[in-house]
Amino acid sequence: MDRVLGELRVDGVATNQEFLGDLVHAPAFVNDDSTIDYVETDFLPRWLKEHEQI
């Protein structure tokens, strides 16, 4: 998945490529220590805070 995301090129539209790349590198995801609500309750709030546009 990491290789595919790194090679993906899309022009003209926004993608969630950066988000997915960060997700597949998240320790809980890598270590298979995430639950079905991990993205919504844990990963997404932290990711949004780290990527806030000022």
N, C-alpha and C. Protein backbone atom coordinates (compact mmCIF):
# COMPACT_ATOMS: atom_id res chain seq x y z
N MET A 1 0.83 -1.18 0.00
CA MET A 1 0.00 0.00 0.00
C MET A 1 0.88 1.24 0.00
N ASP A 2 1.93 1.22 0.79
CA ASP A 2 2.83 2.37 0.87
C ASP A 2 3.43 2.68 -0.50
N ARG A 3 3.88 1.66 -1.20
CA ARG A 3 4.48 1.87 -2.52
C ARG A 3 3.45 2.45 -3.50
N VAL A 4 2.27 1.92 -3.48
CA VAL A 4 1.21 2.40 -4.38
C VAL A 4 0.90 3.87 -4.09
N LEU A 5 0.77 4.22 -2.83
CA LEU A 5 0.49 5.62 -2.48
C LEU A 5 1.64 6.52 -2.91
N GLY A 6 2.86 6.05 -2.78
CA GLY A 6 4.01 6.84 -3.17
C GLY A 6 4.11 7.05 -4.67
N GLU A 7 3.61 6.11 -5.43
CA GLU A 7 3.67 6.18 -6.89
C GLU A 7 2.43 6.82 -7.51
N LEU A 8 1.37 6.99 -6.73
CA LEU A 8 0.11 7.53 -7.24
C LEU A 8 0.28 8.97 -7.69
N ARG A 9 -0.17 9.26 -8.90
CA ARG A 9 -0.16 10.62 -9.42
C ARG A 9 -1.55 10.92 -9.95
N VAL A 10 -2.17 11.97 -9.42
CA VAL A 10 -3.50 12.38 -9.85
C VAL A 10 -3.45 13.88 -10.09
N ASP A 11 -3.84 14.31 -11.26
CA ASP A 11 -3.85 15.73 -11.59
C ASP A 11 -5.27 16.25 -11.68
N GLY A 12 -5.47 17.47 -11.21
CA GLY A 12 -6.74 18.14 -11.40
C GLY A 12 -7.77 17.98 -10.31
N VAL A 13 -7.58 17.05 -9.39
CA VAL A 13 -8.53 16.88 -8.30
C VAL A 13 -7.77 16.64 -7.00
N ALA A 14 -8.40 16.98 -5.90
CA ALA A 14 -7.80 16.74 -4.58
C ALA A 14 -7.93 15.26 -4.23
N THR A 15 -6.95 14.75 -3.51
CA THR A 15 -7.00 13.36 -3.06
C THR A 15 -6.72 13.31 -1.56
N ASN A 16 -6.91 12.15 -0.97
CA ASN A 16 -6.58 11.93 0.43
C ASN A 16 -5.29 11.12 0.55
N GLN A 17 -4.44 11.22 -0.46
CA GLN A 17 -3.20 10.46 -0.52
C GLN A 17 -2.30 10.71 0.69
N GLU A 18 -2.13 11.96 1.08
CA GLU A 18 -1.29 12.27 2.24
C GLU A 18 -1.87 11.64 3.52
N PHE A 19 -3.17 11.76 3.70
CA PHE A 19 -3.84 11.19 4.86
C PHE A 19 -3.63 9.68 4.91
N LEU A 20 -3.86 9.00 3.80
CA LEU A 20 -3.70 7.55 3.76
C LEU A 20 -2.26 7.13 4.00
N GLY A 21 -1.32 7.89 3.44
CA GLY A 21 0.09 7.59 3.67
C GLY A 21 0.45 7.70 5.14
N ASP A 22 -0.04 8.75 5.79
CA ASP A 22 0.21 8.91 7.22
C ASP A 22 -0.47 7.79 8.02
N LEU A 23 -1.66 7.40 7.60
CA LEU A 23 -2.38 6.33 8.30
C LEU A 23 -1.63 5.01 8.24
N VAL A 24 -1.13 4.63 7.07
CA VAL A 24 -0.46 3.34 6.98
C VAL A 24 0.87 3.31 7.72
N HIS A 25 1.38 4.49 8.11
CA HIS A 25 2.61 4.55 8.91
C HIS A 25 2.34 4.75 10.40
N ALA A 26 1.10 4.94 10.78
CA ALA A 26 0.75 5.13 12.19
C ALA A 26 1.09 3.86 12.98
N PRO A 27 1.75 4.01 14.12
CA PRO A 27 2.16 2.84 14.90
C PRO A 27 1.03 1.85 15.19
N ALA A 28 -0.14 2.33 15.55
CA ALA A 28 -1.24 1.42 15.85
C ALA A 28 -1.66 0.63 14.61
N PHE A 29 -1.59 1.25 13.47
CA PHE A 29 -1.94 0.57 12.22
C PHE A 29 -0.85 -0.43 11.83
N VAL A 30 0.40 -0.01 11.92
CA VAL A 30 1.53 -0.88 11.57
C VAL A 30 1.57 -2.11 12.47
N ASN A 31 1.31 -1.91 13.76
CA ASN A 31 1.39 -3.00 14.74
C ASN A 31 0.09 -3.79 14.85
N ASP A 32 -0.86 -3.52 13.96
CA ASP A 32 -2.15 -4.21 13.98
C ASP A 32 -2.81 -4.09 15.35
N ASP A 33 -2.72 -2.88 15.90
CA ASP A 33 -3.27 -2.61 17.23
C ASP A 33 -4.37 -1.55 17.15
N SER A 34 -5.15 -1.58 16.07
CA SER A 34 -6.21 -0.60 15.92
C SER A 34 -7.56 -1.31 15.84
N THR A 35 -8.58 -0.59 16.26
CA THR A 35 -9.93 -1.13 16.21
C THR A 35 -10.69 -0.49 15.05
N ILE A 36 -11.91 -0.89 14.86
CA ILE A 36 -12.70 -0.40 13.74
C ILE A 36 -12.94 1.11 13.83
N ASP A 37 -12.93 1.67 15.02
CA ASP A 37 -13.16 3.11 15.16
C ASP A 37 -11.86 3.91 15.34
N TYR A 38 -10.73 3.29 15.13
CA TYR A 38 -9.43 3.94 15.33
C TYR A 38 -9.29 5.22 14.51
N VAL A 39 -9.63 5.18 13.24
CA VAL A 39 -9.44 6.35 12.39
C VAL A 39 -10.29 7.51 12.89
N GLU A 40 -11.53 7.26 13.17
CA GLU A 40 -12.45 8.33 13.58
C GLU A 40 -12.14 8.90 14.96
N THR A 41 -11.85 8.04 15.91
CA THR A 41 -11.72 8.50 17.29
C THR A 41 -10.30 8.85 17.72
N ASP A 42 -9.30 8.32 17.05
CA ASP A 42 -7.92 8.54 17.50
C ASP A 42 -7.07 9.20 16.42
N PHE A 43 -6.95 8.56 15.27
CA PHE A 43 -6.03 9.04 14.25
C PHE A 43 -6.48 10.36 13.62
N LEU A 44 -7.72 10.45 13.18
CA LEU A 44 -8.21 11.63 12.48
C LEU A 44 -8.10 12.92 13.31
N PRO A 45 -8.54 12.93 14.57
CA PRO A 45 -8.41 14.17 15.34
C PRO A 45 -6.95 14.63 15.47
N ARG A 46 -6.03 13.70 15.70
CA ARG A 46 -4.61 14.08 15.80
C ARG A 46 -4.08 14.56 14.45
N TRP A 47 -4.46 13.86 13.39
CA TRP A 47 -3.98 14.21 12.06
C TRP A 47 -4.47 15.61 11.66
N LEU A 48 -5.73 15.89 11.92
CA LEU A 48 -6.27 17.21 11.59
C LEU A 48 -5.56 18.31 12.37
N LYS A 49 -5.30 18.06 13.64
CA LYS A 49 -4.60 19.06 14.46
C LYS A 49 -3.19 19.31 13.92
N GLU A 50 -2.51 18.27 13.51
CA GLU A 50 -1.15 18.40 12.98
C GLU A 50 -1.13 19.08 11.61
N HIS A 51 -2.23 19.04 10.88
CA HIS A 51 -2.27 19.57 9.52
C HIS A 51 -3.19 20.79 9.39
N GLU A 52 -3.43 21.47 10.51
CA GLU A 52 -4.27 22.67 10.46
C GLU A 52 -3.63 23.73 9.58
N GLN A 53 -4.48 24.38 8.80
CA GLN A 53 -4.03 25.50 7.97
C GLN A 53 -4.31 26.80 8.73
N ILE A 54 -3.28 27.56 8.96
CA ILE A 54 -3.44 28.83 9.72
C ILE A 54 -3.62 29.97 8.76
